[in-house]
Amino acid sequence: MIFNKCERCGCFFSSNDSVCPNCKQKDQIDANSLKTFLDNNDIPKNVESLAYLSGVSLKNVNRILQTKEFSSIRKKFSNEPHIKL
């Protein structure tokens, strides 16, 4: 059995996902909040502003921007030191 550490809460779980089953729904809510914010507003100048204005933590914004769904947005922040490409 393979154990992973949840990138959101730090607990250990067995799955191929990056977040545990308890955090999966929270992650989806954050991703939806971020997507809604970006659909209805201009893209802020930096990731910190995006986190603050969208209400999603900076840690989770950075993680969510790494997903395929947000790859076009990630490119706009590619010079940001907080984004791990």
PDB file of N, CA and C in Angstrom:
ATOM      1  N   MET A   1       0.850  -1.173   0.000  1.00  0.00           N
ATOM      2  CA  MET A   1       0.000   0.000   0.000  1.00  0.00           C
ATOM      3  C   MET A   1       0.900   1.242   0.000  1.00  0.00           C
ATOM      4  N   ILE A   2       0.569   2.203  -0.848  1.00  0.00           N
ATOM      5  CA  ILE A   2       1.347   3.433  -0.964  1.00  0.00           C
ATOM      6  C   ILE A   2       0.635   4.547  -0.192  1.00  0.00           C
ATOM      7  N   PHE A   3       1.396   5.237   0.650  1.00  0.00           N
ATOM      8  CA  PHE A   3       0.849   6.358   1.406  1.00  0.00           C
ATOM      9  C   PHE A   3       1.345   7.668   0.815  1.00  0.00           C
ATOM     10  N   ASN A   4       0.467   8.624   0.713  1.00  0.00           N
ATOM     11  CA  ASN A   4       0.795   9.972   0.275  1.00  0.00           C
ATOM     12  C   ASN A   4       0.512  10.936   1.416  1.00  0.00           C
ATOM     13  N   LYS A   5       1.176  12.068   1.373  1.00  0.00           N
ATOM     14  CA  LYS A   5       0.919  13.120   2.361  1.00  0.00           C
ATOM     15  C   LYS A   5       0.071  14.190   1.681  1.00  0.00           C
ATOM     16  N   CYS A   6      -1.047  14.519   2.288  1.00  0.00           N
ATOM     17  CA  CYS A   6      -1.965  15.515   1.729  1.00  0.00           C
ATOM     18  C   CYS A   6      -1.254  16.865   1.625  1.00  0.00           C
ATOM     19  N   GLU A   7      -1.289  17.463   0.437  1.00  0.00           N
ATOM     20  CA  GLU A   7      -0.659  18.755   0.227  1.00  0.00           C
ATOM     21  C   GLU A   7      -1.415  19.896   0.898  1.00  0.00           C
ATOM     22  N   ARG A   8      -2.609  19.614   1.327  1.00  0.00           N
ATOM     23  CA  ARG A   8      -3.426  20.649   1.945  1.00  0.00           C
ATOM     24  C   ARG A   8      -3.352  20.603   3.467  1.00  0.00           C
ATOM     25  N   CYS A   9      -3.570  19.437   4.066  1.00  0.00           N
ATOM     26  CA  CYS A   9      -3.621  19.354   5.531  1.00  0.00           C
ATOM     27  C   CYS A   9      -2.455  18.594   6.151  1.00  0.00           C
ATOM     28  N   GLY A  10      -1.721  17.837   5.352  1.00  0.00           N
ATOM     29  CA  GLY A  10      -0.559  17.134   5.859  1.00  0.00           C
ATOM     30  C   GLY A  10      -0.810  15.736   6.392  1.00  0.00           C
ATOM     31  N   CYS A  11      -2.055  15.283   6.382  1.00  0.00           N
ATOM     32  CA  CYS A  11      -2.314  13.930   6.882  1.00  0.00           C
ATOM     33  C   CYS A  11      -1.886  12.897   5.834  1.00  0.00           C
ATOM     34  N   PHE A  12      -1.676  11.659   6.281  1.00  0.00           N
ATOM     35  CA  PHE A  12      -1.302  10.584   5.378  1.00  0.00           C
ATOM     36  C   PHE A  12      -2.544   9.822   4.958  1.00  0.00           C
ATOM     37  N   PHE A  13      -2.547   9.398   3.699  1.00  0.00           N
ATOM     38  CA  PHE A  13      -3.683   8.668   3.153  1.00  0.00           C
ATOM     39  C   PHE A  13      -3.194   7.780   2.025  1.00  0.00           C
ATOM     40  N   SER A  14      -3.982   6.807   1.632  1.00  0.00           N
ATOM     41  CA  SER A  14      -3.603   5.932   0.513  1.00  0.00           C
ATOM     42  C   SER A  14      -4.476   6.254  -0.691  1.00  0.00           C
ATOM     43  N   SER A  15      -3.841   6.828  -1.697  1.00  0.00           N
ATOM     44  CA  SER A  15      -4.504   7.196  -2.946  1.00  0.00           C
ATOM     45  C   SER A  15      -3.456   7.794  -3.862  1.00  0.00           C
ATOM     46  N   ASN A  16      -3.797   7.964  -5.108  1.00  0.00           N
ATOM     47  CA  ASN A  16      -2.884   8.606  -6.055  1.00  0.00           C
ATOM     48  C   ASN A  16      -3.109  10.110  -6.143  1.00  0.00           C
ATOM     49  N   ASP A  17      -4.115  10.616  -5.461  1.00  0.00           N
ATOM     50  CA  ASP A  17      -4.392  12.051  -5.467  1.00  0.00           C
ATOM     51  C   ASP A  17      -3.352  12.792  -4.636  1.00  0.00           C
ATOM     52  N   SER A  18      -3.284  14.111  -4.829  1.00  0.00           N
ATOM     53  CA  SER A  18      -2.339  14.917  -4.044  1.00  0.00           C
ATOM     54  C   SER A  18      -2.967  15.430  -2.750  1.00  0.00           C
ATOM     55  N   VAL A  19      -4.287  15.310  -2.632  1.00  0.00           N
ATOM     56  CA  VAL A  19      -4.974  15.710  -1.404  1.00  0.00           C
ATOM     57  C   VAL A  19      -5.814  14.541  -0.894  1.00  0.00           C
ATOM     58  N   CYS A  20      -6.012  14.512   0.419  1.00  0.00           N
ATOM     59  CA  CYS A  20      -6.775  13.427   1.036  1.00  0.00           C
ATOM     60  C   CYS A  20      -8.263  13.561   0.695  1.00  0.00           C
ATOM     61  N   PRO A  21      -9.018  12.494   0.906  1.00  0.00           N
ATOM     62  CA  PRO A  21     -10.454  12.546   0.625  1.00  0.00           C
ATOM     63  C   PRO A  21     -11.176  13.662   1.392  1.00  0.00           C
ATOM     64  N   ASN A  22     -10.719  13.963   2.606  1.00  0.00           N
ATOM     65  CA  ASN A  22     -11.360  15.025   3.391  1.00  0.00           C
ATOM     66  C   ASN A  22     -11.138  16.405   2.773  1.00  0.00           C
ATOM     67  N   CYS A  23     -10.022  16.599   2.119  1.00  0.00           N
ATOM     68  CA  CYS A  23      -9.686  17.915   1.552  1.00  0.00           C
ATOM     69  C   CYS A  23     -10.084  18.058   0.087  1.00  0.00           C
ATOM     70  N   LYS A  24     -10.433  16.970  -0.549  1.00  0.00           N
ATOM     71  CA  LYS A  24     -10.748  17.012  -1.986  1.00  0.00           C
ATOM     72  C   LYS A  24     -11.886  17.995  -2.284  1.00  0.00           C
ATOM     73  N   GLN A  25     -12.940  17.958  -1.489  1.00  0.00           N
ATOM     74  CA  GLN A  25     -14.064  18.865  -1.702  1.00  0.00           C
ATOM     75  C   GLN A  25     -13.642  20.313  -1.438  1.00  0.00           C
ATOM     76  N   LYS A  26     -12.831  20.543  -0.405  1.00  0.00           N
ATOM     77  CA  LYS A  26     -12.347  21.888  -0.109  1.00  0.00           C
ATOM     78  C   LYS A  26     -11.494  22.407  -1.264  1.00  0.00           C
ATOM     79  N   ASP A  27     -10.689  21.519  -1.847  1.00  0.00           N
ATOM     80  CA  ASP A  27      -9.864  21.898  -2.982  1.00  0.00           C
ATOM     81  C   ASP A  27     -10.728  22.304  -4.175  1.00  0.00           C
ATOM     82  N   GLN A  28     -11.786  21.560  -4.411  1.00  0.00           N
ATOM     83  CA  GLN A  28     -12.688  21.876  -5.522  1.00  0.00           C
ATOM     84  C   GLN A  28     -13.384  23.213  -5.293  1.00  0.00           C
ATOM     85  N   ILE A  29     -13.759  23.498  -4.062  1.00  0.00           N
ATOM     86  CA  ILE A  29     -14.390  24.784  -3.739  1.00  0.00           C
ATOM     87  C   ILE A  29     -13.409  25.922  -4.001  1.00  0.00           C
ATOM     88  N   ASP A  30     -12.146  25.753  -3.575  1.00  0.00           N
ATOM     89  CA  ASP A  30     -11.127  26.785  -3.819  1.00  0.00           C
ATOM     90  C   ASP A  30     -10.886  26.976  -5.314  1.00  0.00           C
ATOM     91  N   ALA A  31     -10.816  25.879  -6.061  1.00  0.00           N
ATOM     92  CA  ALA A  31     -10.606  25.977  -7.510  1.00  0.00           C
ATOM     93  C   ALA A  31     -11.777  26.696  -8.178  1.00  0.00           C
ATOM     94  N   ASN A  32     -12.990  26.382  -7.746  1.00  0.00           N
ATOM     95  CA  ASN A  32     -14.171  27.058  -8.294  1.00  0.00           C
ATOM     96  C   ASN A  32     -14.184  28.541  -7.935  1.00  0.00           C
ATOM     97  N   SER A  33     -13.784  28.873  -6.705  1.00  0.00           N
ATOM     98  CA  SER A  33     -13.719  30.276  -6.288  1.00  0.00           C
ATOM     99  C   SER A  33     -12.709  31.029  -7.124  1.00  0.00           C
ATOM    100  N   LEU A  34     -11.570  30.415  -7.360  1.00  0.00           N
ATOM    101  CA  LEU A  34     -10.526  31.031  -8.165  1.00  0.00           C
ATOM    102  C   LEU A  34     -10.991  31.218  -9.607  1.00  0.00           C
ATOM    103  N   LYS A  35     -11.617  30.203 -10.159  1.00  0.00           N
ATOM    104  CA  LYS A  35     -12.119  30.287 -11.533  1.00  0.00           C
ATOM    105  C   LYS A  35     -13.194  31.361 -11.660  1.00  0.00           C
ATOM    106  N   THR A  36     -14.112  31.424 -10.719  1.00  0.00           N
ATOM    107  CA  THR A  36     -15.163  32.444 -10.738  1.00  0.00           C
ATOM    108  C   THR A  36     -14.564  33.839 -10.652  1.00  0.00           C
ATOM    109  N   PHE A  37     -13.601  34.013  -9.760  1.00  0.00           N
ATOM    110  CA  PHE A  37     -12.943  35.315  -9.632  1.00  0.00           C
ATOM    111  C   PHE A  37     -12.281  35.709 -10.952  1.00  0.00           C
ATOM    112  N   LEU A  38     -11.552  34.788 -11.560  1.00  0.00           N
ATOM    113  CA  LEU A  38     -10.834  35.094 -12.797  1.00  0.00           C
ATOM    114  C   LEU A  38     -11.785  35.334 -13.965  1.00  0.00           C
ATOM    115  N   ASP A  39     -12.931  34.663 -13.970  1.00  0.00           N
ATOM    116  CA  ASP A  39     -13.924  34.873 -15.023  1.00  0.00           C
ATOM    117  C   ASP A  39     -14.588  36.239 -14.921  1.00  0.00           C
ATOM    118  N   ASN A  40     -14.686  36.772 -13.702  1.00  0.00           N
ATOM    119  CA  ASN A  40     -15.427  38.011 -13.484  1.00  0.00           C
ATOM    120  C   ASN A  40     -14.559  39.237 -13.249  1.00  0.00           C
ATOM    121  N   ASN A  41     -13.243  39.063 -13.186  1.00  0.00           N
ATOM    122  CA  ASN A  41     -12.346  40.180 -12.882  1.00  0.00           C
ATOM    123  C   ASN A  41     -11.105  40.117 -13.758  1.00  0.00           C
ATOM    124  N   ASP A  42     -10.392  41.237 -13.819  1.00  0.00           N
ATOM    125  CA  ASP A  42      -9.099  41.245 -14.484  1.00  0.00           C
ATOM    126  C   ASP A  42      -8.107  40.461 -13.651  1.00  0.00           C
ATOM    127  N   ILE A  43      -7.114  39.914 -14.313  1.00  0.00           N
ATOM    128  CA  ILE A  43      -6.084  39.157 -13.599  1.00  0.00           C
ATOM    129  C   ILE A  43      -5.204  40.141 -12.850  1.00  0.00           C
ATOM    130  N   PRO A  44      -5.045  39.956 -11.547  1.00  0.00           N
ATOM    131  CA  PRO A  44      -4.203  40.858 -10.754  1.00  0.00           C
ATOM    132  C   PRO A  44      -2.743  40.794 -11.197  1.00  0.00           C
ATOM    133  N   LYS A  45      -1.962  41.756 -10.737  1.00  0.00           N
ATOM    134  CA  LYS A  45      -0.557  41.845 -11.136  1.00  0.00           C
ATOM    135  C   LYS A  45       0.310  40.757 -10.540  1.00  0.00           C
ATOM    136  N   ASN A  46      -0.063  40.233  -9.379  1.00  0.00           N
ATOM    137  CA  ASN A  46       0.771  39.211  -8.755  1.00  0.00           C
ATOM    138  C   ASN A  46      -0.090  38.167  -8.049  1.00  0.00           C
ATOM    139  N   VAL A  47       0.564  37.087  -7.687  1.00  0.00           N
ATOM    140  CA  VAL A  47      -0.132  35.952  -7.080  1.00  0.00           C
ATOM    141  C   VAL A  47      -0.686  36.302  -5.703  1.00  0.00           C
ATOM    142  N   GLU A  48       0.035  37.128  -4.956  1.00  0.00           N
ATOM    143  CA  GLU A  48      -0.444  37.524  -3.634  1.00  0.00           C
ATOM    144  C   GLU A  48      -1.776  38.256  -3.741  1.00  0.00           C
ATOM    145  N   SER A  49      -1.883  39.139  -4.724  1.00  0.00           N
ATOM    146  CA  SER A  49      -3.141  39.869  -4.940  1.00  0.00           C
ATOM    147  C   SER A  49      -4.248  38.916  -5.358  1.00  0.00           C
ATOM    148  N   LEU A  50      -3.914  37.959  -6.201  1.00  0.00           N
ATOM    149  CA  LEU A  50      -4.906  36.977  -6.630  1.00  0.00           C
ATOM    150  C   LEU A  50      -5.430  36.199  -5.427  1.00  0.00           C
ATOM    151  N   ALA A  51      -4.534  35.793  -4.544  1.00  0.00           N
ATOM    152  CA  ALA A  51      -4.952  35.059  -3.340  1.00  0.00           C
ATOM    153  C   ALA A  51      -5.834  35.929  -2.458  1.00  0.00           C
ATOM    154  N   TYR A  52      -5.405  37.148  -2.214  1.00  0.00           N
ATOM    155  CA  TYR A  52      -6.153  38.043  -1.339  1.00  0.00           C
ATOM    156  C   TYR A  52      -7.538  38.350  -1.910  1.00  0.00           C
ATOM    157  N   LEU A  53      -7.583  38.715  -3.180  1.00  0.00           N
ATOM    158  CA  LEU A  53      -8.845  39.125  -3.791  1.00  0.00           C
ATOM    159  C   LEU A  53      -9.821  37.965  -4.002  1.00  0.00           C
ATOM    160  N   SER A  54      -9.296  36.780  -4.244  1.00  0.00           N
ATOM    161  CA  SER A  54     -10.166  35.626  -4.489  1.00  0.00           C
ATOM    162  C   SER A  54     -10.600  34.947  -3.191  1.00  0.00           C
ATOM    163  N   GLY A  55      -9.871  35.211  -2.090  1.00  0.00           N
ATOM    164  CA  GLY A  55     -10.195  34.578  -0.823  1.00  0.00           C
ATOM    165  C   GLY A  55      -9.619  33.183  -0.673  1.00  0.00           C
ATOM    166  N   VAL A  56      -8.731  32.788  -1.592  1.00  0.00           N
ATOM    167  CA  VAL A  56      -8.087  31.483  -1.539  1.00  0.00           C
ATOM    168  C   VAL A  56      -6.671  31.700  -1.015  1.00  0.00           C
ATOM    169  N   SER A  57      -6.215  30.843  -0.105  1.00  0.00           N
ATOM    170  CA  SER A  57      -4.885  31.036   0.481  1.00  0.00           C
ATOM    171  C   SER A  57      -3.802  30.988  -0.592  1.00  0.00           C
ATOM    172  N   LEU A  58      -2.717  31.681  -0.334  1.00  0.00           N
ATOM    173  CA  LEU A  58      -1.605  31.737  -1.281  1.00  0.00           C
ATOM    174  C   LEU A  58      -1.069  30.332  -1.557  1.00  0.00           C
ATOM    175  N   LYS A  59      -0.960  29.525  -0.523  1.00  0.00           N
ATOM    176  CA  LYS A  59      -0.487  28.151  -0.689  1.00  0.00           C
ATOM    177  C   LYS A  59      -1.375  27.385  -1.666  1.00  0.00           C
ATOM    178  N   ASN A  60      -2.688  27.520  -1.506  1.00  0.00           N
ATOM    179  CA  ASN A  60      -3.606  26.797  -2.377  1.00  0.00           C
ATOM    180  C   ASN A  60      -3.675  27.404  -3.776  1.00  0.00           C
ATOM    181  N   VAL A  61      -3.538  28.713  -3.898  1.00  0.00           N
ATOM    182  CA  VAL A  61      -3.495  29.336  -5.222  1.00  0.00           C
ATOM    183  C   VAL A  61      -2.301  28.778  -5.994  1.00  0.00           C
ATOM    184  N   ASN A  62      -1.140  28.747  -5.347  1.00  0.00           N
ATOM    185  CA  ASN A  62       0.054  28.205  -6.001  1.00  0.00           C
ATOM    186  C   ASN A  62      -0.151  26.765  -6.443  1.00  0.00           C
ATOM    187  N   ARG A  63      -0.765  25.954  -5.608  1.00  0.00           N
ATOM    188  CA  ARG A  63      -1.015  24.554  -5.953  1.00  0.00           C
ATOM    189  C   ARG A  63      -2.009  24.437  -7.099  1.00  0.00           C
ATOM    190  N   ILE A  64      -3.086  25.211  -7.023  1.00  0.00           N
ATOM    191  CA  ILE A  64      -4.137  25.140  -8.043  1.00  0.00           C
ATOM    192  C   ILE A  64      -3.621  25.628  -9.393  1.00  0.00           C
ATOM    193  N   LEU A  65      -2.774  26.641  -9.388  1.00  0.00           N
ATOM    194  CA  LEU A  65      -2.226  27.148 -10.651  1.00  0.00           C
ATOM    195  C   LEU A  65      -1.336  26.119 -11.346  1.00  0.00           C
ATOM    196  N   GLN A  66      -0.897  25.105 -10.636  1.00  0.00           N
ATOM    197  CA  GLN A  66      -0.068  24.056 -11.233  1.00  0.00           C
ATOM    198  C   GLN A  66      -0.900  23.041 -12.023  1.00  0.00           C
ATOM    199  N   THR A  67      -2.218  23.069 -11.873  1.00  0.00           N
ATOM    200  CA  THR A  67      -3.066  22.108 -12.570  1.00  0.00           C
ATOM    201  C   THR A  67      -3.233  22.494 -14.027  1.00  0.00           C
ATOM    202  N   LYS A  68      -3.560  21.503 -14.840  1.00  0.00           N
ATOM    203  CA  LYS A  68      -3.735  21.703 -16.279  1.00  0.00           C
ATOM    204  C   LYS A  68      -4.836  22.729 -16.573  1.00  0.00           C
ATOM    205  N   GLU A  69      -5.877  22.707 -15.769  1.00  0.00           N
ATOM    206  CA  GLU A  69      -7.027  23.607 -15.962  1.00  0.00           C
ATOM    207  C   GLU A  69      -6.627  25.086 -15.894  1.00  0.00           C
ATOM    208  N   PHE A  70      -5.609  25.402 -15.106  1.00  0.00           N
ATOM    209  CA  PHE A  70      -5.191  26.787 -14.906  1.00  0.00           C
ATOM    210  C   PHE A  70      -3.863  27.108 -15.594  1.00  0.00           C
ATOM    211  N   SER A  71      -3.449  26.293 -16.543  1.00  0.00           N
ATOM    212  CA  SER A  71      -2.140  26.489 -17.180  1.00  0.00           C
ATOM    213  C   SER A  71      -2.038  27.821 -17.919  1.00  0.00           C
ATOM    214  N   SER A  72      -3.120  28.292 -18.525  1.00  0.00           N
ATOM    215  CA  SER A  72      -3.055  29.572 -19.245  1.00  0.00           C
ATOM    216  C   SER A  72      -2.886  30.742 -18.278  1.00  0.00           C
ATOM    217  N   ILE A  73      -3.457  30.644 -17.103  1.00  0.00           N
ATOM    218  CA  ILE A  73      -3.305  31.688 -16.087  1.00  0.00           C
ATOM    219  C   ILE A  73      -1.900  31.633 -15.497  1.00  0.00           C
ATOM    220  N   ARG A  74      -1.391  30.422 -15.281  1.00  0.00           N
ATOM    221  CA  ARG A  74      -0.062  30.248 -14.717  1.00  0.00           C
ATOM    222  C   ARG A  74       0.990  30.971 -15.558  1.00  0.00           C
ATOM    223  N   LYS A  75       0.834  30.961 -16.871  1.00  0.00           N
ATOM    224  CA  LYS A  75       1.796  31.611 -17.765  1.00  0.00           C
ATOM    225  C   LYS A  75       1.879  33.108 -17.507  1.00  0.00           C
ATOM    226  N   LYS A  76       0.798  33.710 -17.091  1.00  0.00           N
ATOM    227  CA  LYS A  76       0.791  35.151 -16.823  1.00  0.00           C
ATOM    228  C   LYS A  76       1.605  35.492 -15.577  1.00  0.00           C
ATOM    229  N   PHE A  77       1.778  34.503 -14.706  1.00  0.00           N
ATOM    230  CA  PHE A  77       2.550  34.697 -13.478  1.00  0.00           C
ATOM    231  C   PHE A  77       3.899  33.985 -13.539  1.00  0.00           C
ATOM    232  N   SER A  78       4.355  33.604 -14.717  1.00  0.00           N
ATOM    233  CA  SER A  78       5.562  32.778 -14.831  1.00  0.00           C
ATOM    234  C   SER A  78       6.813  33.448 -14.278  1.00  0.00           C
ATOM    235  N   ASN A  79       6.839  34.774 -14.185  1.00  0.00           N
ATOM    236  CA  ASN A  79       7.988  35.469 -13.621  1.00  0.00           C
ATOM    237  C   ASN A  79       7.890  35.667 -12.116  1.00  0.00           C
ATOM    238  N   GLU A  80       6.805  35.208 -11.521  1.00  0.00           N
ATOM    239  CA  GLU A  80       6.604  35.337 -10.090  1.00  0.00           C
ATOM    240  C   GLU A  80       7.478  34.344  -9.340  1.00  0.00           C
ATOM    241  N   PRO A  81       8.181  34.764  -8.315  1.00  0.00           N
ATOM    242  CA  PRO A  81       9.028  33.831  -7.575  1.00  0.00           C
ATOM    243  C   PRO A  81       8.264  32.808  -6.762  1.00  0.00           C
ATOM    244  N   HIS A  82       6.965  33.038  -6.497  1.00  0.00           N
ATOM    245  CA  HIS A  82       6.172  32.119  -5.669  1.00  0.00           C
ATOM    246  C   HIS A  82       5.630  30.950  -6.467  1.00  0.00           C
ATOM    247  N   ILE A  83       5.604  31.097  -7.798  1.00  0.00           N
ATOM    248  CA  ILE A  83       5.079  30.025  -8.637  1.00  0.00           C
ATOM    249  C   ILE A  83       6.197  29.036  -8.929  1.00  0.00           C
ATOM    250  N   LYS A  84       5.944  27.773  -8.632  1.00  0.00           N
ATOM    251  CA  LYS A  84       6.933  26.733  -8.885  1.00  0.00           C
ATOM    252  C   LYS A  84       6.589  26.069 -10.194  1.00  0.00           C
ATOM    253  N   LEU A  85       7.289  26.396 -11.254  1.00  0.00           N
ATOM    254  CA  LEU A  85       7.002  25.782 -12.562  1.00  0.00           C
ATOM    255  C   LEU A  85       7.822  24.549 -12.813  1.00  0.00           C
TER     256      LEU A  85
END
